[in-house]
Protein backbone atom coordinates (compact mmCIF):
# COMPACT_ATOMS: atom_id res chain seq x y z
CA UNK A 1 68.08 4.34 169.14
CA UNK A 2 66.45 4.17 172.51
CA UNK A 3 67.67 7.67 173.22
CA UNK A 4 65.25 9.10 170.68
CA UNK A 5 61.78 9.66 171.96
CA UNK A 6 58.83 8.32 170.03
CA UNK A 7 56.36 11.18 169.59
CA UNK A 8 53.42 8.74 169.57
CA UNK A 9 54.56 6.89 172.61
CA UNK A 10 51.76 6.17 175.13
CA UNK A 11 53.98 7.12 178.00
CA UNK A 12 54.18 10.76 176.87
CA UNK A 13 51.17 12.87 177.86
CA UNK A 14 49.13 14.54 175.04
CA UNK A 15 49.26 18.29 174.56
CA UNK A 16 46.52 20.11 176.50
CA UNK A 17 45.12 21.98 173.48
CA UNK A 18 44.58 18.69 171.56
CA UNK A 19 42.62 17.28 174.43
CA UNK A 20 40.40 20.37 174.54
CA UNK A 21 39.68 20.20 170.77
CA UNK A 22 38.72 16.55 170.96
CA UNK A 23 36.50 17.24 173.93
CA UNK A 24 34.75 20.13 172.16
CA UNK A 25 34.10 18.00 169.06
CA UNK A 26 32.72 15.15 171.12
CA UNK A 27 30.50 17.45 173.08
CA UNK A 28 29.09 19.03 169.91
CA UNK A 29 28.38 15.67 168.30
CA UNK A 30 26.77 14.30 171.44
CA UNK A 31 24.19 17.02 171.90
CA UNK A 32 20.66 16.18 170.80
CA UNK A 33 20.07 19.57 169.09
CA UNK A 34 23.02 19.07 166.75
CA UNK A 35 21.85 15.55 165.80
CA UNK A 36 18.36 16.82 164.94
CA UNK A 37 19.64 19.56 162.65
CA UNK A 38 21.85 17.15 160.67
CA UNK A 39 18.96 14.70 160.20
CA UNK A 40 16.65 17.45 158.93
CA UNK A 41 19.07 18.99 156.43
CA UNK A 42 20.95 15.97 155.08
CA UNK A 43 19.14 12.77 154.02
CA UNK A 44 20.94 9.55 154.71
CA UNK A 45 23.18 8.03 152.07
CA UNK A 46 20.81 5.09 151.73
CA UNK A 47 17.91 7.45 150.94
CA UNK A 48 20.01 9.34 148.36
CA UNK A 49 21.02 6.06 146.74
CA UNK A 50 17.42 4.87 146.62
CA UNK A 51 16.27 8.12 144.95
CA UNK A 52 19.12 7.97 142.43
CA UNK A 53 18.22 4.36 141.57
CA UNK A 54 14.55 5.36 141.06
CA UNK A 55 15.59 8.25 138.80
CA UNK A 56 17.91 5.98 136.84
CA UNK A 57 15.14 3.40 136.41
CA UNK A 58 12.71 6.09 135.18
CA UNK A 59 15.26 7.44 132.69
CA UNK A 60 16.13 3.95 131.50
CA UNK A 61 12.43 3.17 130.97
CA UNK A 62 11.92 6.44 129.05
CA UNK A 63 14.98 5.68 126.92
CA UNK A 64 13.69 2.17 126.12
CA UNK A 65 10.29 3.57 125.12
CA UNK A 66 11.89 6.24 122.90
CA UNK A 67 14.13 3.62 121.30
CA UNK A 68 11.14 1.35 120.62
CA UNK A 69 9.14 4.27 119.15
CA UNK A 70 12.05 5.20 116.89
CA UNK A 71 12.33 1.61 115.70
CA UNK A 72 8.59 1.51 114.98
CA UNK A 73 8.74 4.77 113.00
CA UNK A 74 11.70 3.44 110.99
CA UNK A 75 9.87 0.18 110.26
CA UNK A 76 6.70 2.02 109.19
CA UNK A 77 8.74 4.29 106.91
CA UNK A 78 10.38 1.27 105.28
CA UNK A 79 6.97 -0.33 104.75
CA UNK A 80 5.64 2.90 103.21
CA UNK A 81 8.62 3.10 100.86
CA UNK A 82 8.18 -0.54 99.83
CA UNK A 83 4.45 0.01 99.19
CA UNK A 84 5.11 3.22 97.26
CA UNK A 85 7.55 1.41 94.98
CA UNK A 86 5.26 -1.57 94.57
CA UNK A 87 2.12 0.44 93.80
CA UNK A 88 3.67 3.51 92.14
CA UNK A 89 2.17 2.63 88.76
CA UNK A 90 -1.32 2.05 90.19
CA UNK A 91 -2.71 5.44 89.14
CA UNK A 92 -1.25 5.17 85.65
CA UNK A 93 -2.46 1.58 85.27
CA UNK A 94 -5.97 2.67 86.31
CA UNK A 95 -5.89 5.35 83.59
CA UNK A 96 -4.69 2.82 80.98
CA UNK A 97 -7.52 0.32 81.57
CA UNK A 98 -10.10 2.30 79.53
CA UNK A 99 -7.62 2.50 76.65
CA UNK A 100 -7.27 -1.27 76.63
CA UNK A 101 -11.04 -1.69 76.87
CA UNK A 102 -11.53 0.61 73.86
CA UNK A 103 -8.97 -1.26 71.78
CA UNK A 104 -10.56 -4.62 72.61
CA UNK A 105 -14.02 -3.25 71.75
CA UNK A 106 -12.72 -1.99 68.39
CA UNK A 107 -11.25 -5.38 67.58
CA UNK A 108 -14.44 -7.16 68.59
CA UNK A 109 -16.61 -5.09 66.23
CA UNK A 110 -17.28 -7.13 63.10
CA UNK A 111 -19.01 -4.78 60.69
CA UNK A 112 -16.92 -1.67 61.31
CA UNK A 113 -16.38 0.66 58.41
CA UNK A 114 -13.14 2.47 57.92
CA UNK A 115 -14.74 5.71 59.12
CA UNK A 116 -16.11 4.23 62.38
CA UNK A 117 -12.81 2.43 62.96
CA UNK A 118 -10.95 5.74 62.56
CA UNK A 119 -13.33 7.48 64.98
CA UNK A 120 -12.80 4.72 67.52
CA UNK A 121 -9.02 5.02 67.23
CA UNK A 122 -9.23 8.80 67.66
CA UNK A 123 -11.30 8.40 70.85
CA UNK A 124 -8.85 5.80 72.12
CA UNK A 125 -5.97 8.19 71.43
CA UNK A 126 -7.77 10.88 73.45
CA UNK A 127 -8.07 8.45 76.35
CA UNK A 128 -4.36 7.68 76.07
CA UNK A 129 -3.40 11.38 76.01
CA UNK A 130 -5.61 11.95 79.06
CA UNK A 131 -3.86 9.07 80.87
CA UNK A 132 -0.47 10.56 79.98
CA UNK A 133 -1.51 13.98 81.25
CA UNK A 134 -2.70 12.57 84.56
CA UNK A 135 0.71 10.88 84.96
CA UNK A 136 2.57 14.09 83.97
CA UNK A 137 3.89 12.55 80.76
CA UNK A 138 4.27 15.12 77.99
CA UNK A 139 5.42 14.69 74.42
CA UNK A 140 8.39 16.32 72.73
CA UNK A 141 7.70 17.45 69.16
CA UNK A 142 10.64 19.77 68.44
CA UNK A 143 10.04 20.62 64.77
CA UNK A 144 11.70 23.98 64.02
CA UNK A 145 13.40 24.18 67.43
CA UNK A 146 17.11 24.39 68.20
CA UNK A 147 18.66 20.94 68.70
CA UNK A 148 18.88 20.02 72.42
CA UNK A 149 21.00 16.91 73.12
CA UNK A 150 19.20 16.44 76.45
CA UNK A 151 15.83 15.97 74.72
CA UNK A 152 16.68 15.09 71.12
CA UNK A 153 18.66 12.38 69.40
CA UNK A 154 19.96 13.35 65.95
CA UNK A 155 19.81 10.57 63.40
CA UNK A 156 21.34 12.61 60.58
CA UNK A 157 22.26 16.10 59.51
CA UNK A 158 21.20 17.56 56.15
CA UNK A 159 22.38 20.73 54.46
CA UNK A 160 19.56 23.23 54.62
CA UNK A 161 18.85 26.94 54.54
CA UNK A 162 18.54 28.63 57.90
CA UNK A 163 20.39 28.31 61.16
CA UNK A 164 22.51 25.17 61.62
CA UNK A 165 21.50 22.63 64.29
CA UNK A 166 17.79 23.27 63.86
CA UNK A 167 15.37 20.33 63.85
CA UNK A 168 13.96 20.02 60.34
CA UNK A 169 12.24 16.62 60.64
CA UNK A 170 10.88 14.58 63.58
CA UNK A 171 11.04 10.83 62.95
CA UNK A 172 9.71 9.83 66.36
CA UNK A 173 8.31 12.02 69.16
CA UNK A 174 10.04 12.01 72.51
CA UNK A 175 8.46 12.02 75.97
CA UNK A 176 9.12 13.73 79.29
CA UNK A 177 8.05 12.55 82.74
CA UNK A 178 7.95 15.50 85.15
CA UNK A 179 10.39 17.37 82.89
CA UNK A 180 12.82 14.42 82.83
CA UNK A 181 13.44 12.83 79.46
CA UNK A 182 11.93 9.36 79.23
CA UNK A 183 12.68 8.97 75.55
CA UNK A 184 14.48 11.52 73.36
CA UNK A 185 12.87 12.59 70.10
CA UNK A 186 14.53 11.08 67.01
CA UNK A 187 15.25 14.02 64.70
CA UNK A 188 17.03 15.17 61.58
CA UNK A 189 18.94 18.43 62.02
CA UNK A 190 20.16 21.02 59.57
CA UNK A 191 23.79 21.77 58.88
CA UNK A 192 25.32 24.77 57.17
CA UNK A 193 25.86 24.60 53.43
CA UNK A 194 29.50 24.64 52.40
CA UNK A 195 30.80 27.96 51.19
CA UNK A 196 30.98 28.12 47.40
C-alpha cells in the first residue's frame, strides 16, 4: 500500500499550470477595478433580500385589503337580499292601503242607499285593479279559449257543440304575476258529443 503514491500528498509538487491559474484568479479578484465593477452591477444578497421582503409585504397588504373588500361586498349583498325579501311587498301594501280605507269608510257610513253603496264598491274595485296593475298582477278570464292546463283548472267537462276542450264557463278567475300563474282559473270545459 505504501508503494502507491497519493495524488494529494503534500510532498508532491503541484503542476505548474494549476499554480498559474490560481495566481491569475487571485490577481483578478484582488484588483480594485474588478471589485468596483462587481459592486456597481450586482447588489448584495442582503439588499436583494430586503427588496424582496418589501415587495412581499406590499403584496400581502394588497391581498389583505382585496380580501377585506370582497368580504364587505359579500356582506352588503347579503344585507340587500335580506332587505329585498323583507320589504318586497312594500309597494303592493302601499297600493292596498287606499282600498282598505275605502272599505272602512263604506262600512262607517250609516245612511247609505243601495245605489251609493254600489258606487262606493265600484270605486274600491277600481282602486284594487290599479293596485294589481302596479304589482303586475293580471287576471285570467278564459271564456271561449282553448283549455290550458298551465293556467286553467277544469272542474268538469260537459258535452257541447264546438271544439272539444274549450272553456265554456268560468267559475272563478285566475291570476298571473309577471306571467307566472298565481292561481289557475276554475273552469268548465266542453267535450265532444258521442257519435250517434
